[in-house]
């Protein structure tokens, strides 16, 4: 995974607000969630790689995307083992596993253990937290 120099990753709240749209800020920096079936990548089927909208770190390959029926883009594995950080999330009266970008700490979504083979994982991501780099671009 190619690393951005630390200076390219916002360090302050004001810098993050300047880089992200208000909705991206709400999701990536405040652990918000977009409503099911509203994200731009739910029904996306293009080849390419999905990157963090906060710092452009490569997170998922489109070949790992699958139709989960959940209303959010879902992947069965990350592009690299160290692409994301997993954090225990006890908010909303339940225990879940939050997925954050390892490079910049941005909230991406949650991990569930109801995905397809070969991993059994479902990385349930917010479209607004991702940027698709299409293979044909």
C-alpha atoms as a PDB file:
ATOM      1  CA  UNK A   1       0.000   0.000   0.000  1.00  0.00           C
ATOM      2  CA  UNK A   2       1.421   3.378  -0.977  1.00  0.00           C
ATOM      3  CA  UNK A   3       1.574   5.769   1.950  1.00  0.00           C
ATOM      4  CA  UNK A   4       0.894   9.482   1.702  1.00  0.00           C
ATOM      5  CA  UNK A   5       3.353  11.717   3.508  1.00  0.00           C
ATOM      6  CA  UNK A   6       1.951  12.707   6.927  1.00  0.00           C
ATOM      7  CA  UNK A   7       1.675  16.332   5.763  1.00  0.00           C
ATOM      8  CA  UNK A   8      -0.910  15.258   3.141  1.00  0.00           C
ATOM      9  CA  UNK A   9      -3.268  13.908   5.792  1.00  0.00           C
ATOM     10  CA  UNK A  10      -5.234  16.592   7.657  1.00  0.00           C
ATOM     11  CA  UNK A  11      -4.133  16.959  11.254  1.00  0.00           C
ATOM     12  CA  UNK A  12      -6.786  19.294  12.642  1.00  0.00           C
ATOM     13  CA  UNK A  13     -10.560  19.309  12.661  1.00  0.00           C
ATOM     14  CA  UNK A  14     -10.582  22.491  10.557  1.00  0.00           C
ATOM     15  CA  UNK A  15      -8.329  20.853   7.951  1.00  0.00           C
ATOM     16  CA  UNK A  16     -10.692  17.863   7.745  1.00  0.00           C
ATOM     17  CA  UNK A  17     -13.688  20.180   7.363  1.00  0.00           C
ATOM     18  CA  UNK A  18     -11.848  21.946   4.533  1.00  0.00           C
ATOM     19  CA  UNK A  19     -11.074  18.715   2.687  1.00  0.00           C
ATOM     20  CA  UNK A  20     -14.420  16.920   3.056  1.00  0.00           C
ATOM     21  CA  UNK A  21     -18.012  17.774   2.197  1.00  0.00           C
ATOM     22  CA  UNK A  22     -20.254  18.245   5.258  1.00  0.00           C
ATOM     23  CA  UNK A  23     -21.763  14.776   4.755  1.00  0.00           C
ATOM     24  CA  UNK A  24     -18.346  13.161   4.289  1.00  0.00           C
ATOM     25  CA  UNK A  25     -17.197  14.881   7.470  1.00  0.00           C
ATOM     26  CA  UNK A  26     -20.216  13.548   9.368  1.00  0.00           C
ATOM     27  CA  UNK A  27     -19.507   9.967   8.258  1.00  0.00           C
ATOM     28  CA  UNK A  28     -15.702   9.832   8.128  1.00  0.00           C
ATOM     29  CA  UNK A  29     -14.858  11.970  11.153  1.00  0.00           C
ATOM     30  CA  UNK A  30     -17.975  11.584  13.347  1.00  0.00           C
ATOM     31  CA  UNK A  31     -18.831   7.918  12.570  1.00  0.00           C
ATOM     32  CA  UNK A  32     -22.121   8.747  10.885  1.00  0.00           C
ATOM     33  CA  UNK A  33     -23.942   6.445   8.475  1.00  0.00           C
ATOM     34  CA  UNK A  34     -25.661   7.049   5.174  1.00  0.00           C
ATOM     35  CA  UNK A  35     -29.170   5.658   4.776  1.00  0.00           C
ATOM     36  CA  UNK A  36     -29.481   2.214   3.181  1.00  0.00           C
ATOM     37  CA  UNK A  37     -29.838   2.141  -0.613  1.00  0.00           C
ATOM     38  CA  UNK A  38     -28.815   5.823  -1.003  1.00  0.00           C
ATOM     39  CA  UNK A  39     -25.057   5.487  -1.608  1.00  0.00           C
ATOM     40  CA  UNK A  40     -23.598   5.880  -5.086  1.00  0.00           C
ATOM     41  CA  UNK A  41     -21.727   2.546  -4.947  1.00  0.00           C
ATOM     42  CA  UNK A  42     -24.534   0.233  -3.790  1.00  0.00           C
ATOM     43  CA  UNK A  43     -25.271  -0.931  -7.341  1.00  0.00           C
ATOM     44  CA  UNK A  44     -21.823  -0.204  -8.821  1.00  0.00           C
ATOM     45  CA  UNK A  45     -20.252  -3.056 -10.801  1.00  0.00           C
ATOM     46  CA  UNK A  46     -17.220  -1.420 -12.456  1.00  0.00           C
ATOM     47  CA  UNK A  47     -13.735  -2.894 -12.177  1.00  0.00           C
ATOM     48  CA  UNK A  48     -11.196  -0.933 -10.184  1.00  0.00           C
ATOM     49  CA  UNK A  49     -10.197  -0.172  -6.627  1.00  0.00           C
ATOM     50  CA  UNK A  50     -12.008   1.612  -3.826  1.00  0.00           C
ATOM     51  CA  UNK A  51     -10.011   4.212  -1.903  1.00  0.00           C
ATOM     52  CA  UNK A  52     -10.581   6.169   1.304  1.00  0.00           C
ATOM     53  CA  UNK A  53     -12.355   9.460   0.578  1.00  0.00           C
ATOM     54  CA  UNK A  54     -10.319  11.031   3.377  1.00  0.00           C
ATOM     55  CA  UNK A  55      -6.763  10.178   2.345  1.00  0.00           C
ATOM     56  CA  UNK A  56      -6.929   8.108  -0.883  1.00  0.00           C
ATOM     57  CA  UNK A  57      -5.524   4.928   0.696  1.00  0.00           C
ATOM     58  CA  UNK A  58      -6.493   1.851  -1.333  1.00  0.00           C
ATOM     59  CA  UNK A  59      -8.979  -0.183   0.720  1.00  0.00           C
ATOM     60  CA  UNK A  60     -10.856  -2.688  -1.475  1.00  0.00           C
ATOM     61  CA  UNK A  61     -10.601  -4.235  -4.924  1.00  0.00           C
ATOM     62  CA  UNK A  62     -13.838  -4.310  -6.905  1.00  0.00           C
ATOM     63  CA  UNK A  63     -13.380  -8.070  -7.378  1.00  0.00           C
ATOM     64  CA  UNK A  64     -14.155  -8.499  -3.643  1.00  0.00           C
ATOM     65  CA  UNK A  65     -17.457  -6.575  -3.874  1.00  0.00           C
ATOM     66  CA  UNK A  66     -20.672  -8.569  -3.635  1.00  0.00           C
ATOM     67  CA  UNK A  67     -24.432  -8.038  -3.486  1.00  0.00           C
ATOM     68  CA  UNK A  68     -25.248  -8.356   0.206  1.00  0.00           C
ATOM     69  CA  UNK A  69     -28.820  -7.061   0.057  1.00  0.00           C
ATOM     70  CA  UNK A  70     -27.969  -4.764   2.982  1.00  0.00           C
ATOM     71  CA  UNK A  71     -28.261  -1.463   1.121  1.00  0.00           C
ATOM     72  CA  UNK A  72     -24.565  -0.595   1.444  1.00  0.00           C
ATOM     73  CA  UNK A  73     -21.592  -1.564  -0.725  1.00  0.00           C
ATOM     74  CA  UNK A  74     -20.151  -4.764   0.707  1.00  0.00           C
ATOM     75  CA  UNK A  75     -16.803  -6.497   0.293  1.00  0.00           C
ATOM     76  CA  UNK A  76     -15.598  -9.895   1.515  1.00  0.00           C
ATOM     77  CA  UNK A  77     -11.967  -8.802   1.991  1.00  0.00           C
ATOM     78  CA  UNK A  78      -9.720  -5.756   1.999  1.00  0.00           C
ATOM     79  CA  UNK A  79      -7.185  -4.989  -0.721  1.00  0.00           C
ATOM     80  CA  UNK A  80      -4.344  -5.555   1.763  1.00  0.00           C
ATOM     81  CA  UNK A  81      -4.322  -7.092   5.248  1.00  0.00           C
ATOM     82  CA  UNK A  82      -3.231  -3.777   6.802  1.00  0.00           C
ATOM     83  CA  UNK A  83      -5.611  -1.490   4.867  1.00  0.00           C
ATOM     84  CA  UNK A  84      -8.088  -1.048   7.711  1.00  0.00           C
ATOM     85  CA  UNK A  85      -8.217  -0.948  11.490  1.00  0.00           C
ATOM     86  CA  UNK A  86     -10.938  -2.806  13.389  1.00  0.00           C
ATOM     87  CA  UNK A  87     -12.376  -1.208  16.543  1.00  0.00           C
ATOM     88  CA  UNK A  88     -14.972  -2.564  18.980  1.00  0.00           C
ATOM     89  CA  UNK A  89     -18.089  -0.371  18.705  1.00  0.00           C
ATOM     90  CA  UNK A  90     -20.572  -0.484  21.599  1.00  0.00           C
ATOM     91  CA  UNK A  91     -22.747   2.402  20.398  1.00  0.00           C
ATOM     92  CA  UNK A  92     -26.495   2.109  19.760  1.00  0.00           C
ATOM     93  CA  UNK A  93     -26.934  -0.600  22.419  1.00  0.00           C
ATOM     94  CA  UNK A  94     -25.081  -3.330  20.490  1.00  0.00           C
ATOM     95  CA  UNK A  95     -21.581  -4.669  19.955  1.00  0.00           C
ATOM     96  CA  UNK A  96     -20.245  -4.303  16.429  1.00  0.00           C
ATOM     97  CA  UNK A  97     -16.875  -4.037  14.757  1.00  0.00           C
ATOM     98  CA  UNK A  98     -16.159  -0.601  13.332  1.00  0.00           C
ATOM     99  CA  UNK A  99     -13.918  -0.380  10.260  1.00  0.00           C
ATOM    100  CA  UNK A 100     -11.559   2.602  10.007  1.00  0.00           C
ATOM    101  CA  UNK A 101      -8.953   3.537   7.433  1.00  0.00           C
ATOM    102  CA  UNK A 102      -5.619   2.536   8.928  1.00  0.00           C
ATOM    103  CA  UNK A 103      -3.829   5.499   7.338  1.00  0.00           C
ATOM    104  CA  UNK A 104      -6.064   8.390   8.451  1.00  0.00           C
ATOM    105  CA  UNK A 105      -8.436   6.879  11.007  1.00  0.00           C
ATOM    106  CA  UNK A 106     -11.590   7.754   9.084  1.00  0.00           C
ATOM    107  CA  UNK A 107     -14.766   5.788   9.830  1.00  0.00           C
ATOM    108  CA  UNK A 108     -15.736   3.643   6.830  1.00  0.00           C
ATOM    109  CA  UNK A 109     -18.485   1.339   8.115  1.00  0.00           C
ATOM    110  CA  UNK A 110     -18.736  -1.959  10.001  1.00  0.00           C
ATOM    111  CA  UNK A 111     -17.585  -5.564   9.650  1.00  0.00           C
ATOM    112  CA  UNK A 112     -19.994  -8.490  10.013  1.00  0.00           C
ATOM    113  CA  UNK A 113     -19.396 -12.239   9.905  1.00  0.00           C
ATOM    114  CA  UNK A 114     -22.202 -13.087   7.472  1.00  0.00           C
ATOM    115  CA  UNK A 115     -20.386 -12.679   4.159  1.00  0.00           C
ATOM    116  CA  UNK A 116     -19.584 -15.193   1.425  1.00  0.00           C
ATOM    117  CA  UNK A 117     -16.658 -17.583   1.072  1.00  0.00           C
ATOM    118  CA  UNK A 118     -13.757 -17.537   1.151  1.00  0.00           C
ATOM    119  CA  UNK A 119     -13.652 -15.184   4.199  1.00  0.00           C
ATOM    120  CA  UNK A 120     -17.196 -15.157   5.578  1.00  0.00           C
ATOM    121  CA  UNK A 121     -16.760 -11.411   6.108  1.00  0.00           C
ATOM    122  CA  UNK A 122     -19.013  -8.532   5.050  1.00  0.00           C
ATOM    123  CA  UNK A 123     -17.266  -5.187   5.134  1.00  0.00           C
ATOM    124  CA  UNK A 124     -20.388  -3.015   5.018  1.00  0.00           C
ATOM    125  CA  UNK A 125     -19.133   0.389   3.868  1.00  0.00           C
ATOM    126  CA  UNK A 126     -20.600   3.855   3.399  1.00  0.00           C
ATOM    127  CA  UNK A 127     -20.348   4.967  -0.244  1.00  0.00           C
ATOM    128  CA  UNK A 128     -19.552   8.520   0.879  1.00  0.00           C
ATOM    129  CA  UNK A 129     -16.426   7.180   2.612  1.00  0.00           C
ATOM    130  CA  UNK A 130     -15.113   5.669  -0.639  1.00  0.00           C
ATOM    131  CA  UNK A 131     -13.788   6.835  -4.009  1.00  0.00           C
ATOM    132  CA  UNK A 132     -13.812   4.343  -6.881  1.00  0.00           C
ATOM    133  CA  UNK A 133     -10.733   4.449  -9.118  1.00  0.00           C
ATOM    134  CA  UNK A 134     -12.130   2.760 -12.219  1.00  0.00           C
ATOM    135  CA  UNK A 135      -9.869   0.363 -14.108  1.00  0.00           C
ATOM    136  CA  UNK A 136     -10.845   1.981 -17.417  1.00  0.00           C
ATOM    137  CA  UNK A 137      -9.932   5.539 -16.361  1.00  0.00           C
END
